Amino acid sequence: MMTRHLLKTVTPPRLRTVLVLFVLTPLGFYTKFYHGPGEDWAHSYAGDILYPMFWFFMLAFLRPKLSPYTNAAIIFLFSTAVEFTQLLSNPFLECIRSGFLGRTLIGTGFVAMDILYYAIGCVLAVLLQTWLLRSR
């Protein structure tokens, strides 16, 4: 019963969204391990583009009727807020940041330039979602 309901709710656009998430997730983690030309940039900023893209498509999956522009605004504000939490230091946040996943998800140090890359990621996500929705 639940499987049948799940299959009915996964429409082609939602399935495309899941496929995008399956690409973005390992790609985002890969930016932390990449070695080669431009590795400093990849370690510092490539993930800052992919991070809001991941959350954009996660929100698009959860709220498919949400406008891409509203989604992008929400995710940009969310990503920026997470960046500003990096100015805070308390035992709870330090505990989260002590592991790889925590460092990857909430970061360790505030870098104002990251906000520009969050904006780029949001714009790319809107463009990608618009393209995916048009290519039905």
Protein backbone atom coordinates (compact mmCIF):
# COMPACT_ATOMS: atom_id res chain seq x y z
CA MET A 1 0.00 0.00 0.00
CA MET A 2 2.69 2.50 0.99
CA THR A 3 4.86 1.51 -1.99
CA ARG A 4 1.97 2.09 -4.36
CA HIS A 5 1.35 5.53 -2.85
CA LEU A 6 5.06 6.36 -3.09
CA LEU A 7 5.17 5.34 -6.75
CA LYS A 8 2.16 7.52 -7.51
CA THR A 9 3.78 10.56 -5.87
CA VAL A 10 7.07 10.20 -7.76
CA THR A 11 6.16 12.00 -10.95
CA PRO A 12 8.68 12.40 -13.75
CA PRO A 13 9.75 15.89 -12.54
CA ARG A 14 10.20 14.53 -9.01
CA LEU A 15 12.14 11.58 -10.35
CA ARG A 16 14.41 14.01 -12.20
CA THR A 17 14.88 15.90 -8.96
CA VAL A 18 15.94 12.69 -7.21
CA LEU A 19 18.41 11.96 -10.00
CA VAL A 20 19.89 15.45 -9.63
CA LEU A 21 20.26 14.84 -5.88
CA PHE A 22 22.01 11.53 -6.59
CA VAL A 23 24.53 13.41 -8.73
CA LEU A 24 24.98 16.46 -6.48
CA THR A 25 25.55 14.51 -3.26
CA PRO A 26 28.69 12.57 -4.23
CA LEU A 27 29.92 15.49 -6.31
CA GLY A 28 29.67 17.78 -3.29
CA PHE A 29 31.59 15.35 -1.09
CA TYR A 30 34.15 14.85 -3.84
CA THR A 31 35.06 18.55 -3.71
CA LYS A 32 36.51 17.91 -0.25
CA PHE A 33 38.82 15.15 -1.54
CA TYR A 34 39.72 16.40 -5.03
CA HIS A 35 43.43 16.63 -5.85
CA GLY A 36 44.60 18.23 -9.05
CA PRO A 37 44.48 21.53 -10.87
CA GLY A 38 42.47 24.11 -8.95
CA GLU A 39 42.22 21.96 -5.85
CA ASP A 40 42.41 24.94 -3.49
CA TRP A 41 39.43 26.52 -5.25
CA ALA A 42 37.57 23.18 -5.34
CA HIS A 43 38.12 22.63 -1.61
CA SER A 44 37.17 26.20 -0.72
CA TYR A 45 34.42 27.17 -3.15
CA ALA A 46 33.12 24.38 -5.42
CA GLY A 47 31.20 22.92 -2.51
CA ASP A 48 29.75 26.37 -1.84
CA ILE A 49 28.08 26.18 -5.24
CA LEU A 50 26.89 22.59 -4.84
CA TYR A 51 25.68 23.03 -1.23
CA PRO A 52 22.76 25.36 -2.02
CA MET A 53 22.03 23.39 -5.17
CA PHE A 54 21.60 20.25 -3.07
CA TRP A 55 19.26 22.00 -0.62
CA PHE A 56 17.39 23.68 -3.48
CA PHE A 57 16.60 20.31 -5.07
CA MET A 58 15.81 18.74 -1.70
CA LEU A 59 13.26 21.50 -1.08
CA ALA A 60 11.98 21.15 -4.66
CA PHE A 61 11.42 17.45 -3.98
CA LEU A 62 9.61 18.12 -0.72
CA ARG A 63 7.62 21.10 -2.05
CA PRO A 64 7.31 20.57 -5.83
CA LYS A 65 4.78 23.39 -6.30
CA LEU A 66 7.11 25.97 -4.79
CA SER A 67 8.29 28.55 -7.32
CA PRO A 68 11.96 28.08 -8.27
CA TYR A 69 12.59 31.73 -7.37
CA THR A 70 10.97 31.38 -3.94
CA ASN A 71 12.90 28.16 -3.42
CA ALA A 72 16.17 29.88 -4.39
CA ALA A 73 15.47 32.79 -2.04
CA ILE A 74 14.75 30.42 0.86
CA ILE A 75 17.87 28.36 0.20
CA PHE A 76 20.08 31.42 -0.25
CA LEU A 77 18.90 32.83 3.08
CA PHE A 78 19.34 29.41 4.72
CA SER A 79 22.87 28.97 3.33
CA THR A 80 23.83 32.50 4.33
CA ALA A 81 22.44 31.96 7.84
CA VAL A 82 24.48 28.77 8.16
CA GLU A 83 27.55 30.75 7.05
CA PHE A 84 26.95 33.33 9.78
CA THR A 85 26.65 30.56 12.41
CA GLN A 86 30.33 29.96 11.69
CA LEU A 87 31.01 33.17 13.62
CA LEU A 88 29.60 31.45 16.71
CA SER A 89 31.49 29.12 18.95
CA ASN A 90 29.73 27.07 21.58
CA PRO A 91 30.09 23.49 22.79
CA PHE A 92 27.09 22.24 20.76
CA LEU A 93 28.35 23.68 17.46
CA GLU A 94 31.92 22.61 18.17
CA CYS A 95 30.69 19.07 18.81
CA ILE A 96 28.92 19.04 15.43
CA ARG A 97 31.96 20.53 13.68
CA SER A 98 34.30 17.94 15.17
CA GLY A 99 33.25 15.34 12.59
CA PHE A 100 33.61 15.33 8.80
CA LEU A 101 29.87 15.46 8.14
CA GLY A 102 29.36 18.33 10.58
CA ARG A 103 32.24 20.32 9.10
CA THR A 104 30.85 19.67 5.64
CA LEU A 105 27.27 20.63 6.49
CA ILE A 106 27.74 23.67 8.73
CA GLY A 107 31.35 24.66 8.10
CA THR A 108 34.05 25.78 10.48
CA GLY A 109 34.92 29.39 9.73
CA PHE A 110 33.10 32.38 8.30
CA VAL A 111 34.26 33.42 4.82
CA ALA A 112 32.27 36.28 3.27
CA MET A 113 33.18 35.13 -0.27
CA ASP A 114 31.21 31.91 0.33
CA ILE A 115 28.00 33.94 0.13
CA LEU A 116 28.76 34.87 -3.48
CA TYR A 117 29.17 31.19 -4.33
CA TYR A 118 25.89 30.37 -2.57
CA ALA A 119 24.21 32.91 -4.87
CA ILE A 120 25.86 31.30 -7.91
CA GLY A 121 24.66 27.88 -6.74
CA CYS A 122 21.11 29.15 -6.33
CA VAL A 123 21.10 30.71 -9.81
CA LEU A 124 22.46 27.49 -11.33
CA ALA A 125 19.83 25.47 -9.47
CA VAL A 126 17.02 27.69 -10.82
CA LEU A 127 18.40 27.34 -14.35
CA LEU A 128 18.75 23.57 -14.01
CA GLN A 129 15.28 23.12 -12.55
CA THR A 130 13.75 25.35 -15.23
CA TRP A 131 15.48 23.27 -17.90
CA LEU A 132 14.35 20.01 -16.29
CA LEU A 133 10.75 21.17 -16.08
CA ARG A 134 10.72 22.33 -19.70
CA SER A 135 12.15 19.07 -21.04
CA ARG A 136 9.12 17.00 -20.08
